[in-house]
Amino acid sequence: MFAGLPELGISNGEDLKETLTNCTEPLKAIDQFQIENGILLPTLQSALPFLDLHGTPRLEFHQSVFDELRDKLMERVATIAEGKEEDRYGKLEELLEKSFPLVKMPSIQPVVMQVPEKKLKMVMADKELYKVCAVEVKRQIWQDNQALFGDEVSPLLKQYIVEKEAALFSSDLSILHNFFSPSPKTRRQGEVVLKLTQMIGKNVKLYDMVLQFLRTLFLRTRNVHYCTLRAELLMSLHDLDISEICSVDPCHKFTWCLDACIREKFVDGKRARELQGFLDGVKKGQEQVLGDLSMILCDPFACNTLVLSIMRNLQELLSQDSLPRDSPDLMLLLRMLSLGQGAWDMIDSQVFKEPRLDVEVVTRFLPAMMSVVVDDHTFTVDQKLPGEEKSSPPYPTTLPDAFTRYLQENRVACEMVETYNDMAFGDIFLHLLTGHLTLLSDEFGSEDFCSVVYDGFLLTSFSSKENVHRHTLRMLLHLHHKVLPSHVETLMKTLEPPKQCSEPVKELYTQLTEKLDAQKKSPPPADEAPSLDLGLHPVTVPTTASTPTTPL
């Protein structure tokens, strides 16, 4: 722990041991050792006994002084390095050079490593020394060695994606505790975000490197979880009040405002105007900022908030007998949703320009959606009225052509019902869909319902999309006792994993097989508690293999 002190002429534990071994009066020897090796400040000698009377240990006092002096010295070094102050006689660099033997002392290592590059290269060459270096030292090394920093960051980024996927494939199927349930603050307390924040510290160069890693990985994989991490990392630095980074990231205030909306799961009028101000404030020549803003808006948590706000806005327009084009807030929400959906294309093409929103989404698609909502609500109310004759469901005969066409062709329109470019088979959508279907557990006793859910949707792509296979097994594992036995038998044959499938699919199938075997040996379970009435009126649309949808 005290390696290197003797080389600088400073006594260490071995010197004290030798002194006590050879002395005749140990207490006097200890006092003398303290005087010779304590803080050389005459006025302090009278203060130490006073601290003793108050029960303050000498170690605690000296440690606090040491920490304060170390921080002050590091600030001085940083100031000189940035050219804000002159080291007139080169004394500071000389001091740091002489103190290099203390490089293996963790407590003083950050100061010792404020030295020329040749010393950092010595540390890099010694793998064991590099491994135990303080993060302050490693930051100096990383900022000039992007490949090494990438090697350190890469496992964390992989871990982050694994954790997100694990959340989506959780065995817990619930609309109350789903992927979007954790608050933004809770999410950025995760291990990966905290580690990255610590690695970056106040170093703008390292922060920029991480952002570049995230952009590259997003382009390479199209995985939107990298967009989430981009926002979470910035807000984690915001929580720590790292102004050195937050003040230079042009997306900071926008992300901060959007983060508040995500927390509330709604974009209110005031925040909508703030967000619009940030978007409109992008100056000519700084359009590249739109790339990062689009990535932040592509975050699934941001998209979810925007869609929820759009639907709420449409409901308000219905109550006011107003049209979508009459709502400035709705137009902004659509603008941001469009910008987020175009993130990958923008970063890939390096053409930083907001995508143009299709006017017909506002003039045709949204009014058609509003008519569907009205028809569905009317049908729901009608079913509760007394009388034997009930009207038939309004679908599918009354669905406007524009509605179904936009569900298949328009990226912004279909984001509200997940049908564009196989989005309906994405993990986030299937995670939410399976959770919502738990509310309709009794319906799985109907052959027609099972046929629509399984034969008409899930089983149309499970053989080519392993994630669909996993989500189907997850749902069946949760609802198997509600599904018709004949249908269960057919599904088990269809869902049997092929030899080349992954272990998670095999494990789920094994669990399901074991549950079904146990069910055969035991009496049927008691009826489940009634579903919670959340005050939501689901909007159903026809489900086919080409246009799968879910209740809104």
Protein backbone atom coordinates (compact mmCIF):
# COMPACT_ATOMS: atom_id res chain seq x y z
CA MET A 1 0.00 0.00 0.00
CA PHE A 2 2.89 2.39 0.83
CA ALA A 3 5.21 1.28 -1.99
CA GLY A 4 7.60 3.99 -3.13
CA LEU A 5 7.70 6.10 0.04
CA PRO A 6 11.28 5.16 1.06
CA GLU A 7 12.56 6.18 -2.39
CA LEU A 8 11.31 9.69 -1.67
CA GLY A 9 12.79 9.75 1.82
CA ILE A 10 9.41 9.42 3.50
CA SER A 11 8.96 7.08 6.45
CA ASN A 12 6.48 4.24 6.21
CA GLY A 13 5.16 1.45 8.40
CA GLU A 14 8.42 -0.48 8.29
CA ASP A 15 10.31 2.54 9.64
CA LEU A 16 7.85 2.87 12.52
CA LYS A 17 8.18 -0.85 13.28
CA GLU A 18 11.98 -0.56 13.35
CA THR A 19 11.81 2.52 15.61
CA LEU A 20 9.55 0.79 18.12
CA THR A 21 11.70 -2.34 18.08
CA ASN A 22 14.90 -0.48 18.97
CA CYS A 23 13.57 2.20 21.36
CA THR A 24 13.42 2.11 25.16
CA GLU A 25 10.42 4.47 25.53
CA PRO A 26 7.74 3.57 22.93
CA LEU A 27 5.31 6.40 23.76
CA LYS A 28 7.99 9.05 23.29
CA ALA A 29 9.10 7.35 20.11
CA ILE A 30 5.55 7.44 18.74
CA ASP A 31 5.19 11.13 19.63
CA GLN A 32 8.48 11.90 17.90
CA PHE A 33 7.43 9.89 14.82
CA GLN A 34 4.17 11.83 14.64
CA ILE A 35 5.95 15.18 14.89
CA GLU A 36 8.48 14.28 12.19
CA ASN A 37 5.95 12.77 9.78
CA GLY A 38 2.82 14.79 10.50
CA ILE A 39 1.65 17.94 8.77
CA LEU A 40 4.46 20.47 9.09
CA LEU A 41 2.36 23.36 10.31
CA PRO A 42 3.35 24.81 13.72
CA THR A 43 -0.08 26.31 14.43
CA LEU A 44 -1.62 22.85 14.05
CA GLN A 45 0.11 21.41 17.10
CA SER A 46 -2.24 23.18 19.49
CA ALA A 47 -5.31 22.22 17.47
CA LEU A 48 -4.69 18.46 17.45
CA PRO A 49 -5.21 17.98 21.23
CA PHE A 50 -8.46 19.95 20.89
CA LEU A 51 -9.65 17.49 18.22
CA ASP A 52 -8.62 14.64 20.49
CA LEU A 53 -10.92 16.00 23.22
CA HIS A 54 -13.82 15.90 20.76
CA GLY A 55 -13.16 12.27 19.88
CA THR A 56 -11.95 12.95 16.33
CA PRO A 57 -9.43 10.27 15.35
CA ARG A 58 -6.11 11.54 14.02
CA LEU A 59 -6.48 9.25 11.00
CA GLU A 60 -9.83 10.78 10.10
CA PHE A 61 -8.43 14.31 10.40
CA HIS A 62 -5.32 13.60 8.36
CA GLN A 63 -7.34 11.77 5.70
CA SER A 64 -9.67 14.73 5.27
CA VAL A 65 -6.71 17.11 4.92
CA PHE A 66 -5.04 14.71 2.49
CA ASP A 67 -8.16 14.50 0.30
CA GLU A 68 -8.53 18.27 0.26
CA LEU A 69 -4.90 18.87 -0.67
CA ARG A 70 -5.01 16.17 -3.36
CA ASP A 71 -8.10 17.75 -4.98
CA LYS A 72 -6.55 21.24 -4.85
CA LEU A 73 -3.34 19.97 -6.43
CA MET A 74 -5.22 18.19 -9.21
CA GLU A 75 -7.20 21.35 -9.92
CA ARG A 76 -3.92 23.30 -10.11
CA VAL A 77 -2.42 20.76 -12.52
CA ALA A 78 -5.55 20.86 -14.69
CA THR A 79 -5.49 24.67 -14.74
CA ILE A 80 -1.87 24.74 -15.87
CA ALA A 81 -2.49 22.00 -18.45
CA GLU A 82 -5.33 24.05 -19.96
CA GLY A 83 -3.10 27.12 -20.18
CA LYS A 84 -5.12 29.11 -17.67
CA GLU A 85 -2.12 29.46 -15.34
CA GLU A 86 1.64 29.39 -15.87
CA ASP A 87 4.01 27.02 -14.03
CA ARG A 88 6.71 29.67 -14.00
CA TYR A 89 9.61 27.57 -12.84
CA GLY A 90 8.50 24.12 -13.92
CA LYS A 91 8.27 23.16 -10.23
CA LEU A 92 4.93 21.41 -10.60
CA GLU A 93 6.07 19.09 -13.39
CA GLU A 94 9.30 18.43 -11.50
CA LEU A 95 7.27 17.49 -8.43
CA LEU A 96 5.09 15.12 -10.40
CA GLU A 97 8.11 13.52 -12.05
CA LYS A 98 9.80 12.92 -8.71
CA SER A 99 6.66 11.47 -7.17
CA PHE A 100 6.24 8.82 -9.88
CA PRO A 101 7.52 6.02 -7.55
CA LEU A 102 4.18 6.41 -5.72
CA VAL A 103 2.24 5.37 -8.80
CA LYS A 104 1.06 2.14 -7.16
CA MET A 105 -0.49 3.93 -4.18
CA PRO A 106 -4.24 4.12 -4.94
CA SER A 107 -4.82 7.19 -2.78
CA ILE A 108 -2.21 9.35 -4.49
CA GLN A 109 -2.21 7.71 -7.91
CA PRO A 110 -4.53 10.27 -9.57
CA VAL A 111 -2.08 13.06 -8.72
CA VAL A 112 1.03 11.14 -9.67
CA MET A 113 -0.43 10.36 -13.07
CA GLN A 114 -0.81 14.03 -13.99
CA VAL A 115 2.45 13.63 -15.86
CA PRO A 116 3.75 13.66 -19.44
CA GLU A 117 2.57 11.05 -21.91
CA LYS A 118 5.72 8.95 -21.54
CA LYS A 119 4.66 8.00 -18.01
CA LEU A 120 1.18 7.01 -19.20
CA LYS A 121 2.78 4.74 -21.79
CA MET A 122 4.71 3.05 -19.00
CA VAL A 123 1.42 2.32 -17.23
CA MET A 124 -0.18 1.01 -20.43
CA ALA A 125 2.76 -1.33 -20.96
CA ASP A 126 2.32 -2.82 -17.49
CA LYS A 127 -0.99 -4.73 -17.68
CA GLU A 128 -1.15 -5.38 -13.95
CA LEU A 129 -0.50 -1.74 -13.13
CA TYR A 130 -3.06 -0.58 -15.70
CA LYS A 131 -5.62 -2.98 -14.27
CA VAL A 132 -5.39 -1.52 -10.75
CA CYS A 133 -5.11 2.11 -11.85
CA ALA A 134 -7.61 4.59 -10.48
CA VAL A 135 -10.30 5.63 -12.96
CA GLU A 136 -8.85 9.18 -12.95
CA VAL A 137 -5.63 7.78 -14.38
CA LYS A 138 -7.39 5.60 -16.91
CA ARG A 139 -9.34 8.59 -18.21
CA GLN A 140 -6.03 10.23 -19.18
CA ILE A 141 -5.01 7.09 -21.01
CA TRP A 142 -8.39 6.53 -22.68
CA GLN A 143 -8.79 10.03 -24.06
CA ASP A 144 -5.82 9.49 -26.37
CA ASN A 145 -6.46 5.81 -27.04
CA GLN A 146 -9.93 5.29 -28.49
CA ALA A 147 -9.34 1.60 -29.27
CA LEU A 148 -8.45 0.82 -25.65
CA PHE A 149 -11.42 2.81 -24.40
CA GLY A 150 -13.64 0.94 -26.85
CA ASP A 151 -12.40 -2.37 -25.44
CA GLU A 152 -13.40 -1.20 -21.95
CA VAL A 153 -16.81 0.12 -23.00
CA SER A 154 -17.84 -2.69 -25.37
CA PRO A 155 -18.71 -5.30 -22.69
CA LEU A 156 -20.88 -2.72 -20.91
CA LEU A 157 -22.82 -1.92 -24.07
CA LYS A 158 -23.39 -5.62 -24.71
CA GLN A 159 -24.55 -6.07 -21.12
CA TYR A 160 -27.00 -3.19 -21.53
CA ILE A 161 -28.62 -4.78 -24.59
CA VAL A 162 -28.82 -8.17 -22.86
CA GLU A 163 -30.59 -6.57 -19.88
CA LYS A 164 -33.11 -4.79 -22.13
CA GLU A 165 -33.87 -8.01 -24.00
CA ALA A 166 -34.23 -9.89 -20.71
CA ALA A 167 -36.83 -7.33 -19.61
CA LEU A 168 -38.77 -7.81 -22.84
CA PHE A 169 -38.75 -11.59 -22.48
CA SER A 170 -39.60 -11.53 -18.78
CA SER A 171 -41.86 -14.32 -17.58
CA ASP A 172 -44.06 -11.70 -15.91
CA LEU A 173 -46.90 -10.80 -18.30
CA SER A 174 -48.70 -7.72 -17.04
CA ILE A 175 -49.87 -4.38 -18.37
CA LEU A 176 -49.28 -2.82 -14.95
CA HIS A 177 -45.65 -3.95 -14.68
CA ASN A 178 -44.25 -3.96 -18.18
CA PHE A 179 -41.20 -2.78 -20.10
CA PHE A 180 -42.26 0.88 -19.83
CA SER A 181 -43.10 0.80 -16.11
CA PRO A 182 -39.74 1.86 -14.55
CA SER A 183 -39.32 5.63 -14.21
CA PRO A 184 -36.46 7.37 -16.08
CA LYS A 185 -34.65 7.99 -12.80
CA THR A 186 -34.87 4.31 -11.86
CA ARG A 187 -33.62 3.20 -15.27
CA ARG A 188 -30.52 5.36 -15.17
CA GLN A 189 -29.57 3.93 -11.78
CA GLY A 190 -28.77 0.71 -13.61
CA GLU A 191 -25.28 -0.77 -13.37
CA VAL A 192 -24.21 -0.04 -16.95
CA VAL A 193 -25.28 3.62 -16.96
CA LEU A 194 -23.58 4.26 -13.61
CA LYS A 195 -20.35 2.58 -14.74
CA LEU A 196 -20.26 4.55 -17.98
CA THR A 197 -20.92 7.76 -16.08
CA GLN A 198 -18.03 7.01 -13.74
CA MET A 199 -15.70 6.16 -16.62
CA ILE A 200 -16.50 9.43 -18.39
CA GLY A 201 -16.35 11.66 -15.31
CA LYS A 202 -16.10 15.26 -16.56
CA ASN A 203 -14.13 14.35 -19.66
CA VAL A 204 -15.90 15.74 -22.73
CA LYS A 205 -13.66 13.80 -25.09
CA LEU A 206 -14.61 10.46 -23.53
CA TYR A 207 -18.29 11.44 -23.60
CA ASP A 208 -18.04 12.18 -27.32
CA MET A 209 -16.36 8.80 -27.86
CA VAL A 210 -19.23 6.97 -26.15
CA LEU A 211 -21.79 8.86 -28.24
CA GLN A 212 -19.90 7.87 -31.38
CA PHE A 213 -19.89 4.22 -30.27
CA LEU A 214 -23.67 4.41 -29.76
CA ARG A 215 -24.29 6.00 -33.16
CA THR A 216 -22.13 3.38 -34.87
CA LEU A 217 -23.83 0.48 -33.12
CA PHE A 218 -27.28 1.92 -33.83
CA LEU A 219 -26.41 2.16 -37.52
CA ARG A 220 -24.95 -1.34 -37.57
CA THR A 221 -27.80 -3.08 -35.72
CA ARG A 222 -30.84 -0.75 -35.89
CA ASN A 223 -31.28 -1.63 -32.22
CA VAL A 224 -33.27 1.22 -30.64
CA HIS A 225 -31.98 0.39 -27.14
CA TYR A 226 -28.80 2.28 -28.05
CA CYS A 227 -30.99 5.37 -28.45
CA THR A 228 -32.32 4.81 -24.94
CA LEU A 229 -28.79 4.59 -23.57
CA ARG A 230 -27.81 7.81 -25.33
CA ALA A 231 -30.58 9.68 -23.45
CA GLU A 232 -30.03 7.87 -20.14
CA LEU A 233 -26.30 8.62 -20.15
CA LEU A 234 -26.86 12.34 -20.68
CA MET A 235 -29.49 12.49 -17.94
CA SER A 236 -27.26 10.54 -15.56
CA LEU A 237 -24.57 13.20 -16.02
CA HIS A 238 -27.31 15.80 -15.51
CA ASP A 239 -28.27 14.18 -12.19
CA LEU A 240 -24.63 14.47 -11.07
CA ASP A 241 -24.55 18.11 -12.18
CA ILE A 242 -21.60 17.53 -14.54
CA SER A 243 -21.89 20.96 -16.13
CA GLU A 244 -18.64 20.46 -18.07
CA ILE A 245 -20.52 18.02 -20.33
CA CYS A 246 -24.16 19.10 -20.02
CA SER A 247 -23.32 22.67 -20.98
CA VAL A 248 -21.67 21.62 -24.24
CA ASP A 249 -24.18 18.96 -25.33
CA PRO A 250 -26.70 20.85 -27.51
CA CYS A 251 -29.31 18.16 -26.78
CA HIS A 252 -29.18 18.62 -23.00
CA LYS A 253 -32.15 20.93 -22.42
CA PHE A 254 -34.31 19.12 -24.99
CA THR A 255 -33.53 15.74 -23.37
CA TRP A 256 -34.15 17.15 -19.89
CA CYS A 257 -37.58 18.45 -20.92
CA LEU A 258 -38.45 15.21 -22.74
CA ASP A 259 -37.30 13.20 -19.72
CA ALA A 260 -39.90 15.01 -17.59
CA CYS A 261 -42.58 14.12 -20.16
CA ILE A 262 -41.53 10.46 -20.13
CA ARG A 263 -41.75 10.47 -16.34
CA GLU A 264 -45.33 11.79 -16.55
CA LYS A 265 -46.12 9.62 -19.62
CA PHE A 266 -47.61 12.71 -21.24
CA VAL A 267 -46.45 15.81 -23.14
CA ASP A 268 -48.49 18.72 -21.79
CA GLY A 269 -49.00 22.02 -23.56
CA LYS A 270 -46.26 23.91 -21.70
CA ARG A 271 -43.61 21.29 -22.32
CA ALA A 272 -44.77 20.91 -25.91
CA ARG A 273 -43.98 24.58 -26.49
CA GLU A 274 -40.57 24.18 -24.84
CA LEU A 275 -39.72 21.19 -27.02
CA GLN A 276 -40.88 23.05 -30.12
CA GLY A 277 -38.64 25.96 -29.15
CA PHE A 278 -35.61 23.66 -29.03
CA LEU A 279 -36.43 22.14 -32.42
CA ASP A 280 -37.06 25.52 -34.03
CA GLY A 281 -33.89 26.87 -32.41
CA VAL A 282 -31.55 24.64 -34.43
CA LYS A 283 -29.51 27.21 -36.33
CA LYS A 284 -28.30 27.08 -39.89
CA GLY A 285 -24.96 25.33 -40.01
CA GLN A 286 -25.77 23.32 -36.88
CA GLU A 287 -28.25 20.94 -38.50
CA GLN A 288 -26.13 17.96 -37.41
CA VAL A 289 -27.74 18.36 -33.98
CA LEU A 290 -30.91 16.94 -35.55
CA GLY A 291 -29.13 13.59 -35.83
CA ASP A 292 -28.73 13.34 -32.06
CA LEU A 293 -32.20 14.77 -31.42
CA SER A 294 -33.71 12.17 -33.74
CA MET A 295 -31.82 9.42 -31.91
CA ILE A 296 -33.16 10.66 -28.57
CA LEU A 297 -36.70 10.73 -30.01
CA CYS A 298 -36.18 7.21 -31.39
CA ASP A 299 -35.81 5.93 -27.81
CA PRO A 300 -38.78 3.55 -27.29
CA PHE A 301 -39.64 5.30 -24.02
CA ALA A 302 -39.87 8.61 -25.88
CA CYS A 303 -41.91 7.06 -28.72
CA ASN A 304 -44.27 5.46 -26.22
CA THR A 305 -44.83 8.81 -24.51
CA LEU A 306 -45.46 10.56 -27.82
CA VAL A 307 -47.99 7.93 -28.94
CA LEU A 308 -49.81 8.00 -25.60
CA SER A 309 -49.96 11.79 -25.86
CA ILE A 310 -51.27 11.61 -29.44
CA MET A 311 -54.05 9.23 -28.44
CA ARG A 312 -55.00 11.41 -25.48
CA ASN A 313 -54.98 14.45 -27.74
CA LEU A 314 -57.30 12.69 -30.20
CA GLN A 315 -59.72 11.84 -27.42
CA GLU A 316 -59.81 15.49 -26.37
CA LEU A 317 -60.45 16.53 -29.96
CA LEU A 318 -63.37 14.08 -30.11
CA SER A 319 -64.92 15.61 -27.03
CA GLN A 320 -64.57 19.07 -28.59
CA ASP A 321 -65.82 18.04 -32.07
CA SER A 322 -62.53 19.31 -33.49
CA LEU A 323 -60.27 18.03 -36.26
CA PRO A 324 -56.62 16.93 -35.84
CA ARG A 325 -55.32 19.75 -38.04
CA ASP A 326 -56.80 22.27 -35.54
CA SER A 327 -54.42 21.17 -32.74
CA PRO A 328 -50.89 22.71 -32.72
CA ASP A 329 -49.86 20.36 -29.91
CA LEU A 330 -50.89 17.33 -31.95
CA MET A 331 -48.95 18.59 -34.95
CA LEU A 332 -45.82 18.94 -32.78
CA LEU A 333 -46.24 15.42 -31.39
CA LEU A 334 -46.48 14.05 -34.94
CA ARG A 335 -43.46 16.12 -35.94
CA MET A 336 -41.36 14.65 -33.13
CA LEU A 337 -42.62 11.12 -33.79
CA SER A 338 -41.66 11.53 -37.45
CA LEU A 339 -38.22 12.83 -36.52
CA GLY A 340 -37.63 9.88 -34.20
CA GLN A 341 -38.81 7.35 -36.78
CA GLY A 342 -36.37 8.82 -39.28
CA ALA A 343 -33.34 8.63 -36.98
CA TRP A 344 -31.63 5.70 -38.66
CA ASP A 345 -32.09 7.10 -42.17
CA MET A 346 -30.82 10.53 -41.11
CA ILE A 347 -27.68 9.27 -39.41
CA ASP A 348 -27.00 6.78 -42.19
CA SER A 349 -27.39 9.33 -45.00
CA GLN A 350 -25.79 12.20 -43.03
CA VAL A 351 -28.53 14.43 -44.47
CA PHE A 352 -29.64 16.34 -41.39
CA LYS A 353 -33.07 17.58 -42.35
CA GLU A 354 -36.41 16.96 -40.68
CA PRO A 355 -38.50 14.46 -42.66
CA ARG A 356 -41.64 15.94 -44.17
CA LEU A 357 -44.83 14.75 -42.48
CA ASP A 358 -47.36 13.32 -44.93
CA VAL A 359 -50.29 15.76 -44.88
CA GLU A 360 -52.77 12.94 -45.43
CA VAL A 361 -51.78 11.42 -42.06
CA VAL A 362 -53.44 14.46 -40.52
CA THR A 363 -56.27 14.98 -42.99
CA ARG A 364 -57.25 11.35 -43.64
CA PHE A 365 -55.62 8.78 -41.36
CA LEU A 366 -56.22 10.44 -37.98
CA PRO A 367 -59.88 11.33 -38.76
CA ALA A 368 -60.35 7.69 -39.83
CA MET A 369 -58.82 6.55 -36.54
CA MET A 370 -61.14 8.88 -34.64
CA SER A 371 -64.13 7.37 -36.42
CA VAL A 372 -62.96 3.89 -35.39
CA VAL A 373 -62.72 5.05 -31.77
CA VAL A 374 -66.25 6.48 -31.93
CA ASP A 375 -67.66 3.30 -33.49
CA ASP A 376 -65.97 1.12 -30.94
CA HIS A 377 -67.16 3.23 -28.02
CA THR A 378 -70.69 3.25 -29.42
CA PHE A 379 -70.66 -0.52 -29.73
CA THR A 380 -69.35 -0.91 -26.14
CA VAL A 381 -72.11 1.32 -24.76
CA ASP A 382 -74.73 -0.46 -26.88
CA GLN A 383 -73.77 -3.82 -25.41
CA LYS A 384 -74.50 -2.51 -21.89
CA LEU A 385 -77.99 -1.29 -22.72
CA PRO A 386 -80.98 -3.45 -21.71
CA GLY A 387 -82.70 -5.51 -24.37
CA GLU A 388 -82.09 -8.76 -26.15
CA GLU A 389 -81.13 -7.45 -29.58
CA LYS A 390 -77.59 -6.17 -29.78
CA SER A 391 -75.95 -4.57 -32.76
CA SER A 392 -73.09 -6.34 -34.49
CA PRO A 393 -69.52 -5.12 -34.05
CA PRO A 394 -68.77 -2.31 -36.51
CA TYR A 395 -65.68 -4.04 -37.86
CA PRO A 396 -64.38 -4.86 -40.36
CA THR A 397 -66.96 -3.54 -42.79
CA THR A 398 -66.80 0.09 -41.63
CA LEU A 399 -63.02 0.50 -41.62
CA PRO A 400 -62.08 3.28 -44.06
CA ASP A 401 -59.70 2.27 -46.84
CA ALA A 402 -57.30 5.05 -45.85
CA PHE A 403 -57.03 3.56 -42.37
CA THR A 404 -55.86 0.09 -43.44
CA ARG A 405 -53.65 1.47 -46.20
CA TYR A 406 -51.78 3.80 -43.85
CA LEU A 407 -51.36 1.00 -41.32
CA GLN A 408 -49.31 -0.84 -43.90
CA GLU A 409 -47.50 1.96 -45.68
CA ASN A 410 -46.89 4.99 -43.46
CA ARG A 411 -44.22 4.87 -40.77
CA VAL A 412 -45.71 7.56 -38.52
CA ALA A 413 -49.28 6.31 -38.83
CA CYS A 414 -48.43 2.72 -38.09
CA GLU A 415 -46.28 3.62 -35.07
CA MET A 416 -49.61 3.98 -33.27
CA VAL A 417 -50.56 0.39 -34.10
CA GLU A 418 -47.22 -1.20 -35.00
CA THR A 419 -47.62 -2.57 -38.51
CA TYR A 420 -44.88 -0.98 -40.61
CA ASN A 421 -41.94 -3.07 -41.80
CA ASP A 422 -42.74 -6.02 -39.50
CA MET A 423 -42.91 -3.76 -36.45
CA ALA A 424 -45.78 -5.93 -35.21
CA PHE A 425 -43.26 -8.72 -34.75
CA GLY A 426 -40.81 -6.56 -32.80
CA ASP A 427 -40.02 -7.46 -29.21
CA ILE A 428 -41.40 -4.27 -27.66
CA PHE A 429 -44.77 -4.61 -29.39
CA LEU A 430 -45.08 -8.35 -28.67
CA HIS A 431 -44.12 -7.73 -25.04
CA LEU A 432 -46.96 -5.23 -24.67
CA LEU A 433 -49.42 -7.29 -26.72
CA THR A 434 -48.95 -10.44 -24.63
CA GLY A 435 -49.39 -8.35 -21.49
CA HIS A 436 -52.65 -6.87 -22.76
CA LEU A 437 -53.95 -10.27 -23.83
CA THR A 438 -53.79 -11.42 -20.20
CA LEU A 439 -56.79 -9.14 -19.63
CA LEU A 440 -58.70 -11.26 -22.13
CA SER A 441 -57.68 -14.61 -20.64
CA ASP A 442 -61.25 -15.98 -20.64
CA GLU A 443 -61.54 -15.32 -24.37
CA PHE A 444 -58.91 -17.99 -25.03
CA GLY A 445 -61.64 -20.54 -24.36
CA SER A 446 -63.10 -19.59 -27.74
CA GLU A 447 -61.91 -21.40 -30.85
CA ASP A 448 -62.42 -18.30 -32.98
CA PHE A 449 -60.38 -16.10 -30.63
CA CYS A 450 -57.52 -18.60 -30.47
CA SER A 451 -57.54 -18.89 -34.25
CA VAL A 452 -57.26 -15.11 -34.64
CA VAL A 453 -54.45 -14.71 -32.09
CA TYR A 454 -52.40 -17.78 -32.96
CA ASP A 455 -53.26 -18.95 -36.48
CA GLY A 456 -54.04 -15.51 -37.88
CA PHE A 457 -51.09 -13.67 -36.33
CA LEU A 458 -48.39 -15.24 -34.17
CA LEU A 459 -47.97 -18.52 -36.05
CA THR A 460 -47.68 -16.74 -39.39
CA SER A 461 -44.04 -15.85 -38.71
CA PHE A 462 -42.79 -17.80 -35.68
CA SER A 463 -40.83 -20.25 -37.83
CA SER A 464 -38.74 -17.47 -39.40
CA LYS A 465 -38.61 -15.17 -36.37
CA GLU A 466 -37.34 -16.81 -33.23
CA ASN A 467 -38.37 -13.88 -31.05
CA VAL A 468 -42.02 -14.49 -32.07
CA HIS A 469 -41.56 -18.14 -31.08
CA ARG A 470 -40.34 -17.05 -27.64
CA HIS A 471 -43.16 -14.57 -27.04
CA THR A 472 -45.76 -17.14 -28.12
CA LEU A 473 -44.37 -19.66 -25.64
CA ARG A 474 -44.25 -16.99 -22.92
CA MET A 475 -47.93 -16.21 -23.38
CA LEU A 476 -48.95 -19.87 -23.59
CA LEU A 477 -46.97 -20.60 -20.44
CA HIS A 478 -49.04 -17.93 -18.69
CA LEU A 479 -52.46 -18.72 -20.18
CA HIS A 480 -52.32 -22.44 -21.09
CA HIS A 481 -55.02 -23.37 -18.56
CA LYS A 482 -57.44 -20.97 -20.31
CA VAL A 483 -56.82 -22.21 -23.86
CA LEU A 484 -58.99 -24.96 -25.30
CA PRO A 485 -57.26 -28.34 -24.69
CA SER A 486 -57.58 -29.27 -28.35
CA HIS A 487 -55.90 -26.03 -29.36
CA VAL A 488 -53.14 -26.53 -26.77
CA GLU A 489 -52.35 -29.93 -28.21
CA THR A 490 -52.09 -28.52 -31.73
CA LEU A 491 -49.97 -25.58 -30.53
CA MET A 492 -47.53 -27.85 -28.69
CA LYS A 493 -46.87 -29.79 -31.87
CA THR A 494 -46.46 -26.61 -33.91
CA LEU A 495 -44.25 -24.85 -31.36
CA GLU A 496 -41.85 -27.73 -30.76
CA PRO A 497 -38.37 -26.16 -31.08
CA PRO A 498 -36.21 -27.15 -34.07
CA LYS A 499 -32.74 -28.49 -33.32
CA GLN A 500 -30.98 -25.29 -34.35
CA CYS A 501 -33.01 -22.93 -32.12
CA SER A 502 -31.58 -21.11 -29.11
CA GLU A 503 -31.52 -22.35 -25.54
CA PRO A 504 -34.14 -19.85 -24.24
CA VAL A 505 -36.74 -21.26 -26.66
CA LYS A 506 -35.93 -24.82 -25.62
CA GLU A 507 -36.13 -23.88 -21.93
CA LEU A 508 -39.54 -22.21 -22.38
CA TYR A 509 -40.90 -25.21 -24.23
CA THR A 510 -39.62 -27.54 -21.52
CA GLN A 511 -41.24 -25.40 -18.80
CA LEU A 512 -44.51 -25.41 -20.70
CA THR A 513 -44.39 -29.19 -21.16
CA GLU A 514 -43.78 -29.67 -17.44
CA LYS A 515 -46.67 -27.36 -16.54
CA LEU A 516 -49.05 -29.19 -18.84
CA ASP A 517 -47.99 -32.56 -17.40
CA ALA A 518 -48.54 -31.24 -13.87
CA GLN A 519 -51.92 -29.86 -14.89
CA LYS A 520 -53.06 -33.29 -16.10
CA LYS A 521 -52.20 -34.80 -12.72
CA SER A 522 -53.96 -32.13 -10.63
CA PRO A 523 -57.49 -30.67 -10.55
CA PRO A 524 -58.14 -27.58 -12.69
CA PRO A 525 -57.19 -24.27 -11.03
CA ALA A 526 -59.84 -22.06 -9.49
CA ASP A 527 -61.09 -19.18 -11.57
CA GLU A 528 -58.75 -16.27 -11.62
CA ALA A 529 -59.66 -12.96 -10.07
CA PRO A 530 -61.58 -10.70 -12.47
CA SER A 531 -59.51 -8.45 -14.66
CA LEU A 532 -58.92 -4.92 -13.45
CA ASP A 533 -61.14 -2.30 -15.03
CA LEU A 534 -58.66 0.38 -16.04
CA GLY A 535 -61.29 2.60 -17.57
CA LEU A 536 -59.89 1.95 -21.04
CA HIS A 537 -62.04 1.11 -24.06
CA PRO A 538 -59.96 -1.04 -26.43
CA VAL A 539 -60.12 -0.21 -30.08
CA THR A 540 -59.97 -3.39 -32.14
CA VAL A 541 -59.12 -3.56 -35.81
CA PRO A 542 -59.21 -6.61 -38.10
CA THR A 543 -56.22 -8.86 -37.62
CA THR A 544 -54.73 -10.65 -40.58
CA ALA A 545 -51.36 -12.10 -41.37
CA SER A 546 -50.40 -8.96 -43.26
CA THR A 547 -51.77 -6.30 -40.91
CA PRO A 548 -51.58 -7.52 -37.31
CA THR A 549 -52.75 -4.99 -34.78
CA THR A 550 -53.45 -4.62 -31.12
CA PRO A 551 -55.98 -2.73 -28.98
CA LEU A 552 -55.11 0.91 -28.58
